[in-house]
Amino acid sequence: MQNLTARNLALATADNAGAQELLSQARRYQRSSTIAYVAGAGLLIYGALQSLQNNGNGISPALYVAIPVLIVPLVLQGKQASAQRQAIALYNSTGQR
């Protein structure tokens, strides 16, 4: 039994083009999710620093922008998991092992 990782899935489904395409989508979702996390964290840190420099004169708009940016990865992770499940189902349904 192997761990369920994107690499292991890609190796196991190498002979199924449809499953490979779904796994490619999953990798794109994962990459986009990582980018959104980095961008959201950057905005959050920038907004916090700006708010601290304002000496209580309000909250930086960057903090408000960071919230939806940090929600994006949650949506993308669901899509990534769905694409991986579809790839496994497609591979299993074709009977290739």
PDB file of N, CA and C in Angstrom:
ATOM      1  N   MET A   1       0.853  -1.176   0.000  1.00  0.00           N
ATOM      2  CA  MET A   1       0.000   0.000   0.000  1.00  0.00           C
ATOM      3  C   MET A   1       0.892   1.231   0.000  1.00  0.00           C
ATOM      4  N   GLN A   2       0.576   2.194  -0.883  1.00  0.00           N
ATOM      5  CA  GLN A   2       1.341   3.434  -0.991  1.00  0.00           C
ATOM      6  C   GLN A   2       0.506   4.600  -0.496  1.00  0.00           C
ATOM      7  N   ASN A   3       1.201   5.667  -0.117  1.00  0.00           N
ATOM      8  CA  ASN A   3       0.512   6.895   0.259  1.00  0.00           C
ATOM      9  C   ASN A   3      -0.185   7.475  -0.964  1.00  0.00           C
ATOM     10  N   LEU A   4      -1.296   8.139  -0.718  1.00  0.00           N
ATOM     11  CA  LEU A   4      -2.059   8.757  -1.798  1.00  0.00           C
ATOM     12  C   LEU A   4      -1.515  10.159  -2.052  1.00  0.00           C
ATOM     13  N   THR A   5      -0.505  10.244  -2.900  1.00  0.00           N
ATOM     14  CA  THR A   5       0.077  11.525  -3.268  1.00  0.00           C
ATOM     15  C   THR A   5      -0.131  11.734  -4.759  1.00  0.00           C
ATOM     16  N   ALA A   6       0.010  12.970  -5.181  1.00  0.00           N
ATOM     17  CA  ALA A   6      -0.163  13.282  -6.606  1.00  0.00           C
ATOM     18  C   ALA A   6       0.851  12.516  -7.448  1.00  0.00           C
ATOM     19  N   ARG A   7       2.068  12.405  -6.959  1.00  0.00           N
ATOM     20  CA  ARG A   7       3.109  11.682  -7.705  1.00  0.00           C
ATOM     21  C   ARG A   7       2.779  10.199  -7.820  1.00  0.00           C
ATOM     22  N   ASN A   8       2.373   9.589  -6.714  1.00  0.00           N
ATOM     23  CA  ASN A   8       2.028   8.169  -6.748  1.00  0.00           C
ATOM     24  C   ASN A   8       0.829   7.909  -7.653  1.00  0.00           C
ATOM     25  N   LEU A   9      -0.150   8.806  -7.621  1.00  0.00           N
ATOM     26  CA  LEU A   9      -1.306   8.654  -8.507  1.00  0.00           C
ATOM     27  C   LEU A   9      -0.894   8.770  -9.969  1.00  0.00           C
ATOM     28  N   ALA A  10      -0.016   9.718 -10.255  1.00  0.00           N
ATOM     29  CA  ALA A  10       0.446   9.896 -11.637  1.00  0.00           C
ATOM     30  C   ALA A  10       1.174   8.649 -12.125  1.00  0.00           C
ATOM     31  N   LEU A  11       2.007   8.079 -11.277  1.00  0.00           N
ATOM     32  CA  LEU A  11       2.733   6.867 -11.664  1.00  0.00           C
ATOM     33  C   LEU A  11       1.780   5.683 -11.851  1.00  0.00           C
ATOM     34  N   ALA A  12       0.800   5.579 -10.965  1.00  0.00           N
ATOM     35  CA  ALA A  12      -0.119   4.440 -11.028  1.00  0.00           C
ATOM     36  C   ALA A  12      -1.062   4.520 -12.224  1.00  0.00           C
ATOM     37  N   THR A  13      -1.375   5.729 -12.661  1.00  0.00           N
ATOM     38  CA  THR A  13      -2.340   5.893 -13.753  1.00  0.00           C
ATOM     39  C   THR A  13      -1.673   6.301 -15.060  1.00  0.00           C
ATOM     40  N   ALA A  14      -0.388   6.031 -15.184  1.00  0.00           N
ATOM     41  CA  ALA A  14       0.382   6.475 -16.357  1.00  0.00           C
ATOM     42  C   ALA A  14      -0.179   5.942 -17.668  1.00  0.00           C
ATOM     43  N   ASP A  15      -0.874   4.805 -17.626  1.00  0.00           N
ATOM     44  CA  ASP A  15      -1.395   4.200 -18.856  1.00  0.00           C
ATOM     45  C   ASP A  15      -2.828   4.628 -19.177  1.00  0.00           C
ATOM     46  N   ASN A  16      -3.334   5.657 -18.488  1.00  0.00           N
ATOM     47  CA  ASN A  16      -4.707   6.111 -18.716  1.00  0.00           C
ATOM     48  C   ASN A  16      -4.684   7.619 -18.964  1.00  0.00           C
ATOM     49  N   ALA A  17      -4.875   8.031 -20.214  1.00  0.00           N
ATOM     50  CA  ALA A  17      -4.785   9.450 -20.589  1.00  0.00           C
ATOM     51  C   ALA A  17      -5.841  10.305 -19.887  1.00  0.00           C
ATOM     52  N   GLY A  18      -7.039   9.783 -19.736  1.00  0.00           N
ATOM     53  CA  GLY A  18      -8.096  10.548 -19.078  1.00  0.00           C
ATOM     54  C   GLY A  18      -7.772  10.812 -17.620  1.00  0.00           C
ATOM     55  N   ALA A  19      -7.270   9.806 -16.939  1.00  0.00           N
ATOM     56  CA  ALA A  19      -6.888   9.972 -15.539  1.00  0.00           C
ATOM     57  C   ALA A  19      -5.711  10.936 -15.425  1.00  0.00           C
ATOM     58  N   GLN A  20      -4.778  10.866 -16.371  1.00  0.00           N
ATOM     59  CA  GLN A  20      -3.640  11.774 -16.351  1.00  0.00           C
ATOM     60  C   GLN A  20      -4.087  13.228 -16.522  1.00  0.00           C
ATOM     61  N   GLU A  21      -5.080  13.458 -17.383  1.00  0.00           N
ATOM     62  CA  GLU A  21      -5.597  14.811 -17.585  1.00  0.00           C
ATOM     63  C   GLU A  21      -6.256  15.342 -16.313  1.00  0.00           C
ATOM     64  N   LEU A  22      -7.014  14.500 -15.636  1.00  0.00           N
ATOM     65  CA  LEU A  22      -7.643  14.912 -14.384  1.00  0.00           C
ATOM     66  C   LEU A  22      -6.590  15.201 -13.317  1.00  0.00           C
ATOM     67  N   LEU A  23      -5.543  14.407 -13.279  1.00  0.00           N
ATOM     68  CA  LEU A  23      -4.475  14.649 -12.318  1.00  0.00           C
ATOM     69  C   LEU A  23      -3.709  15.926 -12.659  1.00  0.00           C
ATOM     70  N   SER A  24      -3.615  16.238 -13.930  1.00  0.00           N
ATOM     71  CA  SER A  24      -2.993  17.491 -14.353  1.00  0.00           C
ATOM     72  C   SER A  24      -3.819  18.683 -13.850  1.00  0.00           C
ATOM     73  N   GLN A  25      -5.141  18.560 -13.937  1.00  0.00           N
ATOM     74  CA  GLN A  25      -6.018  19.602 -13.387  1.00  0.00           C
ATOM     75  C   GLN A  25      -5.792  19.745 -11.888  1.00  0.00           C
ATOM     76  N   ALA A  26      -5.690  18.615 -11.196  1.00  0.00           N
ATOM     77  CA  ALA A  26      -5.479  18.639  -9.750  1.00  0.00           C
ATOM     78  C   ALA A  26      -4.170  19.345  -9.406  1.00  0.00           C
ATOM     79  N   ARG A  27      -3.123  19.102 -10.196  1.00  0.00           N
ATOM     80  CA  ARG A  27      -1.842  19.777  -9.955  1.00  0.00           C
ATOM     81  C   ARG A  27      -1.967  21.278 -10.187  1.00  0.00           C
ATOM     82  N   ARG A  28      -2.736  21.693 -11.192  1.00  0.00           N
ATOM     83  CA  ARG A  28      -2.949  23.125 -11.434  1.00  0.00           C
ATOM     84  C   ARG A  28      -3.699  23.762 -10.262  1.00  0.00           C
ATOM     85  N   TYR A  29      -4.706  23.057  -9.748  1.00  0.00           N
ATOM     86  CA  TYR A  29      -5.435  23.569  -8.588  1.00  0.00           C
ATOM     87  C   TYR A  29      -4.496  23.695  -7.385  1.00  0.00           C
ATOM     88  N   GLN A  30      -3.621  22.711  -7.209  1.00  0.00           N
ATOM     89  CA  GLN A  30      -2.685  22.750  -6.088  1.00  0.00           C
ATOM     90  C   GLN A  30      -1.726  23.928  -6.224  1.00  0.00           C
ATOM     91  N   ARG A  31      -1.218  24.143  -7.416  1.00  0.00           N
ATOM     92  CA  ARG A  31      -0.295  25.258  -7.666  1.00  0.00           C
ATOM     93  C   ARG A  31      -1.011  26.593  -7.423  1.00  0.00           C
ATOM     94  N   SER A  32      -2.241  26.722  -7.917  1.00  0.00           N
ATOM     95  CA  SER A  32      -3.014  27.956  -7.720  1.00  0.00           C
ATOM     96  C   SER A  32      -3.313  28.182  -6.249  1.00  0.00           C
ATOM     97  N   SER A  33      -3.589  27.116  -5.533  1.00  0.00           N
ATOM     98  CA  SER A  33      -3.862  27.207  -4.107  1.00  0.00           C
ATOM     99  C   SER A  33      -2.638  27.719  -3.351  1.00  0.00           C
ATOM    100  N   THR A  34      -1.478  27.208  -3.703  1.00  0.00           N
ATOM    101  CA  THR A  34      -0.240  27.657  -3.059  1.00  0.00           C
ATOM    102  C   THR A  34       0.009  29.135  -3.335  1.00  0.00           C
ATOM    103  N   ILE A  35      -0.199  29.540  -4.574  1.00  0.00           N
ATOM    104  CA  ILE A  35      -0.009  30.950  -4.936  1.00  0.00           C
ATOM    105  C   ILE A  35      -0.972  31.836  -4.145  1.00  0.00           C
ATOM    106  N   ALA A  36      -2.218  31.398  -4.014  1.00  0.00           N
ATOM    107  CA  ALA A  36      -3.206  32.183  -3.270  1.00  0.00           C
ATOM    108  C   ALA A  36      -2.837  32.272  -1.788  1.00  0.00           C
ATOM    109  N   TYR A  37      -2.328  31.186  -1.216  1.00  0.00           N
ATOM    110  CA  TYR A  37      -1.883  31.230   0.181  1.00  0.00           C
ATOM    111  C   TYR A  37      -0.753  32.244   0.365  1.00  0.00           C
ATOM    112  N   VAL A  38       0.220  32.219  -0.528  1.00  0.00           N
ATOM    113  CA  VAL A  38       1.353  33.135  -0.422  1.00  0.00           C
ATOM    114  C   VAL A  38       0.882  34.582  -0.581  1.00  0.00           C
ATOM    115  N   ALA A  39       0.038  34.824  -1.586  1.00  0.00           N
ATOM    116  CA  ALA A  39      -0.476  36.179  -1.809  1.00  0.00           C
ATOM    117  C   ALA A  39      -1.311  36.643  -0.620  1.00  0.00           C
ATOM    118  N   GLY A  40      -2.174  35.787  -0.115  1.00  0.00           N
ATOM    119  CA  GLY A  40      -3.007  36.144   1.027  1.00  0.00           C
ATOM    120  C   GLY A  40      -2.187  36.434   2.271  1.00  0.00           C
ATOM    121  N   ALA A  41      -1.167  35.605   2.508  1.00  0.00           N
ATOM    122  CA  ALA A  41      -0.305  35.830   3.666  1.00  0.00           C
ATOM    123  C   ALA A  41       0.455  37.144   3.518  1.00  0.00           C
ATOM    124  N   GLY A  42       0.915  37.431   2.308  1.00  0.00           N
ATOM    125  CA  GLY A  42       1.611  38.692   2.073  1.00  0.00           C
ATOM    126  C   GLY A  42       0.708  39.886   2.327  1.00  0.00           C
ATOM    127  N   LEU A  43      -0.515  39.806   1.821  1.00  0.00           N
ATOM    128  CA  LEU A  43      -1.465  40.900   2.055  1.00  0.00           C
ATOM    129  C   LEU A  43      -1.800  41.047   3.541  1.00  0.00           C
ATOM    130  N   LEU A  44      -1.925  39.923   4.215  1.00  0.00           N
ATOM    131  CA  LEU A  44      -2.248  39.954   5.637  1.00  0.00           C
ATOM    132  C   LEU A  44      -1.120  40.607   6.441  1.00  0.00           C
ATOM    133  N   ILE A  45       0.115  40.228   6.152  1.00  0.00           N
ATOM    134  CA  ILE A  45       1.257  40.814   6.853  1.00  0.00           C
ATOM    135  C   ILE A  45       1.379  42.297   6.523  1.00  0.00           C
ATOM    136  N   TYR A  46       1.253  42.616   5.233  1.00  0.00           N
ATOM    137  CA  TYR A  46       1.339  44.022   4.824  1.00  0.00           C
ATOM    138  C   TYR A  46       0.241  44.844   5.506  1.00  0.00           C
ATOM    139  N   GLY A  47      -0.981  44.323   5.511  1.00  0.00           N
ATOM    140  CA  GLY A  47      -2.087  45.040   6.138  1.00  0.00           C
ATOM    141  C   GLY A  47      -1.899  45.220   7.633  1.00  0.00           C
ATOM    142  N   ALA A  48      -1.376  44.187   8.286  1.00  0.00           N
ATOM    143  CA  ALA A  48      -1.136  44.288   9.725  1.00  0.00           C
ATOM    144  C   ALA A  48      -0.067  45.336  10.023  1.00  0.00           C
ATOM    145  N   LEU A  49       0.986  45.324   9.228  1.00  0.00           N
ATOM    146  CA  LEU A  49       2.046  46.327   9.432  1.00  0.00           C
ATOM    147  C   LEU A  49       1.533  47.736   9.167  1.00  0.00           C
ATOM    148  N   GLN A  50       0.746  47.905   8.127  1.00  0.00           N
ATOM    149  CA  GLN A  50       0.172  49.221   7.819  1.00  0.00           C
ATOM    150  C   GLN A  50      -0.760  49.677   8.938  1.00  0.00           C
ATOM    151  N   SER A  51      -1.539  48.753   9.462  1.00  0.00           N
ATOM    152  CA  SER A  51      -2.463  49.110  10.549  1.00  0.00           C
ATOM    153  C   SER A  51      -1.696  49.521  11.798  1.00  0.00           C
ATOM    154  N   LEU A  52      -0.590  48.833  12.082  1.00  0.00           N
ATOM    155  CA  LEU A  52       0.211  49.185  13.250  1.00  0.00           C
ATOM    156  C   LEU A  52       0.898  50.540  13.070  1.00  0.00           C
ATOM    157  N   GLN A  53       1.289  50.848  11.841  1.00  0.00           N
ATOM    158  CA  GLN A  53       1.937  52.132  11.576  1.00  0.00           C
ATOM    159  C   GLN A  53       0.956  53.291  11.614  1.00  0.00           C
ATOM    160  N   ASN A  54      -0.332  53.011  11.448  1.00  0.00           N
ATOM    161  CA  ASN A  54      -1.351  54.067  11.486  1.00  0.00           C
ATOM    162  C   ASN A  54      -1.651  54.521  12.907  1.00  0.00           C
ATOM    163  N   ASN A  55      -1.093  53.859  13.905  1.00  0.00           N
ATOM    164  CA  ASN A  55      -1.288  54.218  15.319  1.00  0.00           C
ATOM    165  C   ASN A  55      -2.763  54.341  15.697  1.00  0.00           C
ATOM    166  N   GLY A  56      -3.533  53.344  15.327  1.00  0.00           N
ATOM    167  CA  GLY A  56      -4.932  53.338  15.728  1.00  0.00           C
ATOM    168  C   GLY A  56      -5.851  54.169  14.862  1.00  0.00           C
ATOM    169  N   ASN A  57      -5.388  54.638  13.722  1.00  0.00           N
ATOM    170  CA  ASN A  57      -6.218  55.442  12.831  1.00  0.00           C
ATOM    171  C   ASN A  57      -7.024  54.596  11.860  1.00  0.00           C
ATOM    172  N   GLY A  58      -7.238  53.370  12.165  1.00  0.00           N
ATOM    173  CA  GLY A  58      -8.042  52.506  11.305  1.00  0.00           C
ATOM    174  C   GLY A  58      -7.285  51.270  10.856  1.00  0.00           C
ATOM    175  N   ILE A  59      -8.029  50.416  10.225  1.00  0.00           N
ATOM    176  CA  ILE A  59      -7.484  49.161   9.730  1.00  0.00           C
ATOM    177  C   ILE A  59      -7.164  49.319   8.254  1.00  0.00           C
ATOM    178  N   SER A  60      -6.023  48.809   7.869  1.00  0.00           N
ATOM    179  CA  SER A  60      -5.590  48.903   6.478  1.00  0.00           C
ATOM    180  C   SER A  60      -6.534  48.107   5.568  1.00  0.00           C
ATOM    181  N   PRO A  61      -6.884  48.641   4.401  1.00  0.00           N
ATOM    182  CA  PRO A  61      -7.725  47.911   3.449  1.00  0.00           C
ATOM    183  C   PRO A  61      -7.092  46.595   2.991  1.00  0.00           C
ATOM    184  N   ALA A  62      -5.774  46.481   3.078  1.00  0.00           N
ATOM    185  CA  ALA A  62      -5.114  45.238   2.675  1.00  0.00           C
ATOM    186  C   ALA A  62      -5.563  44.060   3.544  1.00  0.00           C
ATOM    187  N   LEU A  63      -5.903  44.325   4.794  1.00  0.00           N
ATOM    188  CA  LEU A  63      -6.419  43.259   5.661  1.00  0.00           C
ATOM    189  C   LEU A  63      -7.754  42.732   5.142  1.00  0.00           C
ATOM    190  N   TYR A  64      -8.585  43.637   4.663  1.00  0.00           N
ATOM    191  CA  TYR A  64      -9.883  43.226   4.136  1.00  0.00           C
ATOM    192  C   TYR A  64      -9.733  42.456   2.827  1.00  0.00           C
ATOM    193  N   VAL A  65      -8.753  42.834   2.028  1.00  0.00           N
ATOM    194  CA  VAL A  65      -8.501  42.148   0.759  1.00  0.00           C
ATOM    195  C   VAL A  65      -7.924  40.756   1.016  1.00  0.00           C
ATOM    196  N   ALA A  66      -7.143  40.613   2.079  1.00  0.00           N
ATOM    197  CA  ALA A  66      -6.492  39.337   2.378  1.00  0.00           C
ATOM    198  C   ALA A  66      -7.507  38.242   2.696  1.00  0.00           C
ATOM    199  N   ILE A  67      -8.618  38.592   3.290  1.00  0.00           N
ATOM    200  CA  ILE A  67      -9.594  37.583   3.712  1.00  0.00           C
ATOM    201  C   ILE A  67     -10.131  36.777   2.532  1.00  0.00           C
ATOM    202  N   PRO A  68     -10.693  37.399   1.482  1.00  0.00           N
ATOM    203  CA  PRO A  68     -11.174  36.573   0.373  1.00  0.00           C
ATOM    204  C   PRO A  68     -10.049  35.854  -0.371  1.00  0.00           C
ATOM    205  N   VAL A  69      -8.864  36.467  -0.410  1.00  0.00           N
ATOM    206  CA  VAL A  69      -7.734  35.799  -1.078  1.00  0.00           C
ATOM    207  C   VAL A  69      -7.369  34.524  -0.323  1.00  0.00           C
ATOM    208  N   LEU A  70      -7.470  34.544   1.000  1.00  0.00           N
ATOM    209  CA  LEU A  70      -7.168  33.357   1.791  1.00  0.00           C
ATOM    210  C   LEU A  70      -8.291  32.314   1.751  1.00  0.00           C
ATOM    211  N   ILE A  71      -9.480  32.703   1.303  1.00  0.00           N
ATOM    212  CA  ILE A  71     -10.578  31.740   1.161  1.00  0.00           C
ATOM    213  C   ILE A  71     -10.454  30.957  -0.144  1.00  0.00           C
ATOM    214  N   VAL A  72      -9.841  31.554  -1.153  1.00  0.00           N
ATOM    215  CA  VAL A  72      -9.687  30.913  -2.463  1.00  0.00           C
ATOM    216  C   VAL A  72      -9.054  29.527  -2.364  1.00  0.00           C
ATOM    217  N   PRO A  73      -7.975  29.339  -1.582  1.00  0.00           N
ATOM    218  CA  PRO A  73      -7.380  28.002  -1.508  1.00  0.00           C
ATOM    219  C   PRO A  73      -8.325  26.931  -0.970  1.00  0.00           C
ATOM    220  N   LEU A  74      -9.229  27.321  -0.097  1.00  0.00           N
ATOM    221  CA  LEU A  74     -10.191  26.344   0.429  1.00  0.00           C
ATOM    222  C   LEU A  74     -11.069  25.795  -0.691  1.00  0.00           C
ATOM    223  N   VAL A  75     -11.499  26.672  -1.579  1.00  0.00           N
ATOM    224  CA  VAL A  75     -12.311  26.246  -2.721  1.00  0.00           C
ATOM    225  C   VAL A  75     -11.483  25.388  -3.671  1.00  0.00           C
ATOM    226  N   LEU A  76     -10.263  25.826  -3.926  1.00  0.00           N
ATOM    227  CA  LEU A  76      -9.405  25.099  -4.860  1.00  0.00           C
ATOM    228  C   LEU A  76      -9.009  23.722  -4.321  1.00  0.00           C
ATOM    229  N   GLN A  77      -8.851  23.598  -3.010  1.00  0.00           N
ATOM    230  CA  GLN A  77      -8.516  22.295  -2.442  1.00  0.00           C
ATOM    231  C   GLN A  77      -9.653  21.303  -2.636  1.00  0.00           C
ATOM    232  N   GLY A  78     -10.894  21.788  -2.546  1.00  0.00           N
ATOM    233  CA  GLY A  78     -12.035  20.912  -2.819  1.00  0.00           C
ATOM    234  C   GLY A  78     -12.055  20.464  -4.266  1.00  0.00           C
ATOM    235  N   LYS A  79     -11.733  21.377  -5.184  1.00  0.00           N
ATOM    236  CA  LYS A  79     -11.690  21.025  -6.603  1.00  0.00           C
ATOM    237  C   LYS A  79     -10.538  20.066  -6.880  1.00  0.00           C
ATOM    238  N   GLN A  80      -9.415  20.268  -6.214  1.00  0.00           N
ATOM    239  CA  GLN A  80      -8.271  19.380  -6.387  1.00  0.00           C
ATOM    240  C   GLN A  80      -8.620  17.962  -5.930  1.00  0.00           C
ATOM    241  N   ALA A  81      -9.231  17.844  -4.773  1.00  0.00           N
ATOM    242  CA  ALA A  81      -9.611  16.530  -4.261  1.00  0.00           C
ATOM    243  C   ALA A  81     -10.633  15.866  -5.179  1.00  0.00           C
ATOM    244  N   SER A  82     -11.558  16.659  -5.706  1.00  0.00           N
ATOM    245  CA  SER A  82     -12.562  16.123  -6.620  1.00  0.00           C
ATOM    246  C   SER A  82     -11.913  15.593  -7.899  1.00  0.00           C
ATOM    247  N   ALA A  83     -10.956  16.333  -8.435  1.00  0.00           N
ATOM    248  CA  ALA A  83     -10.269  15.893  -9.654  1.00  0.00           C
ATOM    249  C   ALA A  83      -9.495  14.610  -9.396  1.00  0.00           C
ATOM    250  N   GLN A  84      -8.886  14.489  -8.226  1.00  0.00           N
ATOM    251  CA  GLN A  84      -8.155  13.266  -7.898  1.00  0.00           C
ATOM    252  C   GLN A  84      -9.107  12.082  -7.749  1.00  0.00           C
ATOM    253  N   ARG A  85     -10.239  12.301  -7.087  1.00  0.00           N
ATOM    254  CA  ARG A  85     -11.225  11.218  -6.950  1.00  0.00           C
ATOM    255  C   ARG A  85     -11.760  10.790  -8.310  1.00  0.00           C
ATOM    256  N   GLN A  86     -12.010  11.759  -9.197  1.00  0.00           N
ATOM    257  CA  GLN A  86     -12.490  11.433 -10.540  1.00  0.00           C
ATOM    258  C   GLN A  86     -11.441  10.647 -11.312  1.00  0.00           C
ATOM    259  N   ALA A  87     -10.170  11.002 -11.157  1.00  0.00           N
ATOM    260  CA  ALA A  87      -9.092  10.286 -11.844  1.00  0.00           C
ATOM    261  C   ALA A  87      -9.025   8.840 -11.372  1.00  0.00           C
ATOM    262  N   ILE A  88      -9.156   8.636 -10.070  1.00  0.00           N
ATOM    263  CA  ILE A  88      -9.142   7.277  -9.526  1.00  0.00           C
ATOM    264  C   ILE A  88     -10.337   6.493 -10.019  1.00  0.00           C
ATOM    265  N   ALA A  89     -11.512   7.126 -10.000  1.00  0.00           N
ATOM    266  CA  ALA A  89     -12.721   6.443 -10.469  1.00  0.00           C
ATOM    267  C   ALA A  89     -12.624   6.094 -11.942  1.00  0.00           C
ATOM    268  N   LEU A  90     -12.123   7.003 -12.752  1.00  0.00           N
ATOM    269  CA  LEU A  90     -11.965   6.758 -14.172  1.00  0.00           C
ATOM    270  C   LEU A  90     -10.989   5.611 -14.417  1.00  0.00           C
ATOM    271  N   TYR A  91      -9.882   5.626 -13.708  1.00  0.00           N
ATOM    272  CA  TYR A  91      -8.888   4.570 -13.859  1.00  0.00           C
ATOM    273  C   TYR A  91      -9.479   3.213 -13.472  1.00  0.00           C
ATOM    274  N   ASN A  92     -10.182   3.192 -12.331  1.00  0.00           N
ATOM    275  CA  ASN A  92     -10.779   1.932 -11.877  1.00  0.00           C
ATOM    276  C   ASN A  92     -11.884   1.445 -12.798  1.00  0.00           C
ATOM    277  N   SER A  93     -12.616   2.361 -13.410  1.00  0.00           N
ATOM    278  CA  SER A  93     -13.735   1.949 -14.265  1.00  0.00           C
ATOM    279  C   SER A  93     -13.270   1.377 -15.591  1.00  0.00           C
ATOM    280  N   THR A  94     -12.055   1.722 -16.016  1.00  0.00           N
ATOM    281  CA  THR A  94     -11.559   1.198 -17.302  1.00  0.00           C
ATOM    282  C   THR A  94     -10.921  -0.177 -17.130  1.00  0.00           C
ATOM    283  N   GLY A  95     -10.734  -0.590 -15.886  1.00  0.00           N
ATOM    284  CA  GLY A  95     -10.210  -1.933 -15.642  1.00  0.00           C
ATOM    285  C   GLY A  95      -8.718  -2.068 -15.860  1.00  0.00           C
ATOM    286  N   GLN A  96      -7.994  -0.982 -16.012  1.00  0.00           N
ATOM    287  CA  GLN A  96      -6.547  -1.043 -16.207  1.00  0.00           C
ATOM    288  C   GLN A  96      -5.863  -1.099 -14.859  1.00  0.00           C
ATOM    289  N   ARG A  97      -4.935  -2.008 -14.706  1.00  0.00           N
ATOM    290  CA  ARG A  97      -4.206  -2.146 -13.438  1.00  0.00           C
ATOM    291  C   ARG A  97      -2.748  -2.399 -13.720  1.00  0.00           C
TER     292      ARG A  97
END
